[in-house]
Every structure is written in C-alpha cells, then in structure tokens.
Amino acid sequence: MSAIEKVKAKVEQLSGTVKKETGRAAGNDQTAAEGAGDKMHGNLREAKEAFQP
C-alpha cells in the first residue's frame, strides 16, 4: 500500500467521522448518513490497498 493512498484513506475516514458526528449533533440525518458513507468509502479504499499485490 503506497503511503499516499494510505493517507488518503485515513483522511477520508476521519472526515467521514467528523461529518457523521456533526450531522448527529445537529439532528441532520442526511449529513450523518453522508458522513457514514464517506467513512465507509475510506475503509473500502484502505481494504482495497491492503489486498493489492
């Protein structure tokens, strides 16, 4: 896994978590769902990189 891709995945996970929690705190379900999706996308990016030869 290249260092750049690993950083991209971690940044996406962190931004997704922040967006999700901000949405929950504000009572905005759409923003919370978008944040959860962003975090999942970061998790998938990280998993994809872990399985590449």
N, C-alpha and C. Protein backbone atom coordinates (compact mmCIF):
# COMPACT_ATOMS: atom_id res chain seq x y z
N MET A 1 0.86 -1.17 0.00
CA MET A 1 0.00 0.00 0.00
C MET A 1 0.90 1.23 0.00
N SER A 2 0.69 2.07 -0.98
CA SER A 2 1.52 3.26 -1.03
C SER A 2 1.14 4.21 0.11
N ALA A 3 2.11 4.96 0.52
CA ALA A 3 1.89 5.88 1.64
C ALA A 3 0.83 6.92 1.30
N ILE A 4 0.81 7.38 0.08
CA ILE A 4 -0.16 8.39 -0.35
C ILE A 4 -1.57 7.84 -0.28
N GLU A 5 -1.78 6.64 -0.77
CA GLU A 5 -3.11 6.03 -0.73
C GLU A 5 -3.56 5.76 0.71
N LYS A 6 -2.61 5.37 1.55
CA LYS A 6 -2.94 5.11 2.95
C LYS A 6 -3.40 6.40 3.63
N VAL A 7 -2.70 7.49 3.34
CA VAL A 7 -3.07 8.78 3.92
C VAL A 7 -4.43 9.22 3.39
N LYS A 8 -4.68 9.03 2.10
CA LYS A 8 -5.97 9.39 1.52
C LYS A 8 -7.11 8.64 2.21
N ALA A 9 -6.89 7.35 2.45
CA ALA A 9 -7.91 6.53 3.10
C ALA A 9 -8.16 7.02 4.53
N LYS A 10 -7.10 7.31 5.26
CA LYS A 10 -7.25 7.77 6.64
C LYS A 10 -7.93 9.13 6.70
N VAL A 11 -7.59 10.03 5.79
CA VAL A 11 -8.22 11.35 5.75
C VAL A 11 -9.70 11.21 5.45
N GLU A 12 -10.04 10.33 4.52
CA GLU A 12 -11.44 10.12 4.18
C GLU A 12 -12.22 9.52 5.36
N GLN A 13 -11.59 8.60 6.07
CA GLN A 13 -12.23 8.02 7.26
C GLN A 13 -12.46 9.08 8.32
N LEU A 14 -11.46 9.91 8.56
CA LEU A 14 -11.58 10.94 9.58
C LEU A 14 -12.62 11.98 9.21
N SER A 15 -12.60 12.43 7.95
CA SER A 15 -13.58 13.44 7.54
C SER A 15 -14.99 12.87 7.58
N GLY A 16 -15.14 11.60 7.25
CA GLY A 16 -16.45 10.96 7.34
C GLY A 16 -16.96 10.89 8.77
N THR A 17 -16.06 10.59 9.69
CA THR A 17 -16.44 10.52 11.10
C THR A 17 -16.87 11.89 11.61
N VAL A 18 -16.11 12.92 11.25
CA VAL A 18 -16.44 14.28 11.68
C VAL A 18 -17.79 14.70 11.10
N LYS A 19 -18.00 14.42 9.83
CA LYS A 19 -19.27 14.79 9.17
C LYS A 19 -20.45 14.04 9.80
N LYS A 20 -20.25 12.77 10.08
CA LYS A 20 -21.30 11.96 10.68
C LYS A 20 -21.68 12.49 12.06
N GLU A 21 -20.69 12.75 12.89
CA GLU A 21 -20.95 13.23 14.24
C GLU A 21 -21.53 14.64 14.24
N THR A 22 -21.10 15.48 13.32
CA THR A 22 -21.67 16.82 13.20
C THR A 22 -23.14 16.73 12.81
N GLY A 23 -23.46 15.87 11.87
CA GLY A 23 -24.84 15.66 11.46
C GLY A 23 -25.70 15.14 12.59
N ARG A 24 -25.16 14.20 13.36
CA ARG A 24 -25.91 13.66 14.50
C ARG A 24 -26.16 14.73 15.55
N ALA A 25 -25.14 15.53 15.84
CA ALA A 25 -25.27 16.57 16.86
C ALA A 25 -26.27 17.64 16.45
N ALA A 26 -26.31 17.93 15.14
CA ALA A 26 -27.22 18.96 14.63
C ALA A 26 -28.61 18.40 14.35
N GLY A 27 -28.77 17.09 14.44
CA GLY A 27 -30.06 16.48 14.15
C GLY A 27 -30.35 16.37 12.67
N ASN A 28 -29.29 16.41 11.85
CA ASN A 28 -29.43 16.34 10.40
C ASN A 28 -29.08 14.92 9.94
N ASP A 29 -30.11 14.12 9.69
CA ASP A 29 -29.90 12.72 9.32
C ASP A 29 -29.19 12.57 7.98
N GLN A 30 -29.45 13.46 7.04
CA GLN A 30 -28.82 13.36 5.72
C GLN A 30 -27.31 13.55 5.83
N THR A 31 -26.89 14.56 6.57
CA THR A 31 -25.46 14.79 6.74
C THR A 31 -24.81 13.64 7.50
N ALA A 32 -25.48 13.11 8.49
CA ALA A 32 -24.95 11.97 9.23
C ALA A 32 -24.78 10.75 8.32
N ALA A 33 -25.75 10.54 7.45
CA ALA A 33 -25.67 9.41 6.51
C ALA A 33 -24.55 9.62 5.50
N GLU A 34 -24.38 10.84 5.01
CA GLU A 34 -23.29 11.13 4.08
C GLU A 34 -21.94 10.89 4.75
N GLY A 35 -21.83 11.29 6.01
CA GLY A 35 -20.59 11.08 6.75
C GLY A 35 -20.29 9.60 6.93
N ALA A 36 -21.31 8.83 7.24
CA ALA A 36 -21.13 7.39 7.39
C ALA A 36 -20.68 6.76 6.06
N GLY A 37 -21.25 7.25 4.97
CA GLY A 37 -20.85 6.76 3.64
C GLY A 37 -19.42 7.13 3.31
N ASP A 38 -19.02 8.34 3.64
CA ASP A 38 -17.64 8.77 3.39
C ASP A 38 -16.66 7.92 4.19
N LYS A 39 -17.01 7.64 5.44
CA LYS A 39 -16.13 6.81 6.27
C LYS A 39 -16.03 5.40 5.69
N MET A 40 -17.14 4.85 5.25
CA MET A 40 -17.13 3.51 4.66
C MET A 40 -16.29 3.49 3.39
N HIS A 41 -16.37 4.55 2.60
CA HIS A 41 -15.57 4.64 1.38
C HIS A 41 -14.08 4.62 1.73
N GLY A 42 -13.70 5.33 2.79
CA GLY A 42 -12.31 5.30 3.25
C GLY A 42 -11.90 3.92 3.71
N ASN A 43 -12.79 3.24 4.41
CA ASN A 43 -12.50 1.87 4.86
C ASN A 43 -12.30 0.94 3.66
N LEU A 44 -13.14 1.09 2.66
CA LEU A 44 -13.02 0.24 1.47
C LEU A 44 -11.75 0.55 0.69
N ARG A 45 -11.39 1.82 0.62
CA ARG A 45 -10.15 2.20 -0.07
C ARG A 45 -8.96 1.56 0.63
N GLU A 46 -8.97 1.59 1.96
CA GLU A 46 -7.88 1.01 2.73
C GLU A 46 -7.84 -0.51 2.53
N ALA A 47 -8.99 -1.16 2.52
CA ALA A 47 -9.04 -2.61 2.32
C ALA A 47 -8.56 -2.98 0.92
N LYS A 48 -8.94 -2.19 -0.06
CA LYS A 48 -8.51 -2.45 -1.43
C LYS A 48 -7.00 -2.38 -1.55
N GLU A 49 -6.40 -1.40 -0.93
CA GLU A 49 -4.96 -1.25 -0.98
C GLU A 49 -4.24 -2.39 -0.25
N ALA A 50 -4.87 -2.91 0.80
CA ALA A 50 -4.25 -3.99 1.56
C ALA A 50 -4.19 -5.28 0.76
N PHE A 51 -5.11 -5.48 -0.19
CA PHE A 51 -5.15 -6.71 -0.95
C PHE A 51 -4.45 -6.63 -2.30
N GLN A 52 -3.91 -5.49 -2.65
CA GLN A 52 -3.21 -5.38 -3.93
C GLN A 52 -1.81 -5.98 -3.79
N PRO A 53 -1.38 -6.69 -4.82
CA PRO A 53 -0.05 -7.34 -4.76
C PRO A 53 1.08 -6.34 -4.83
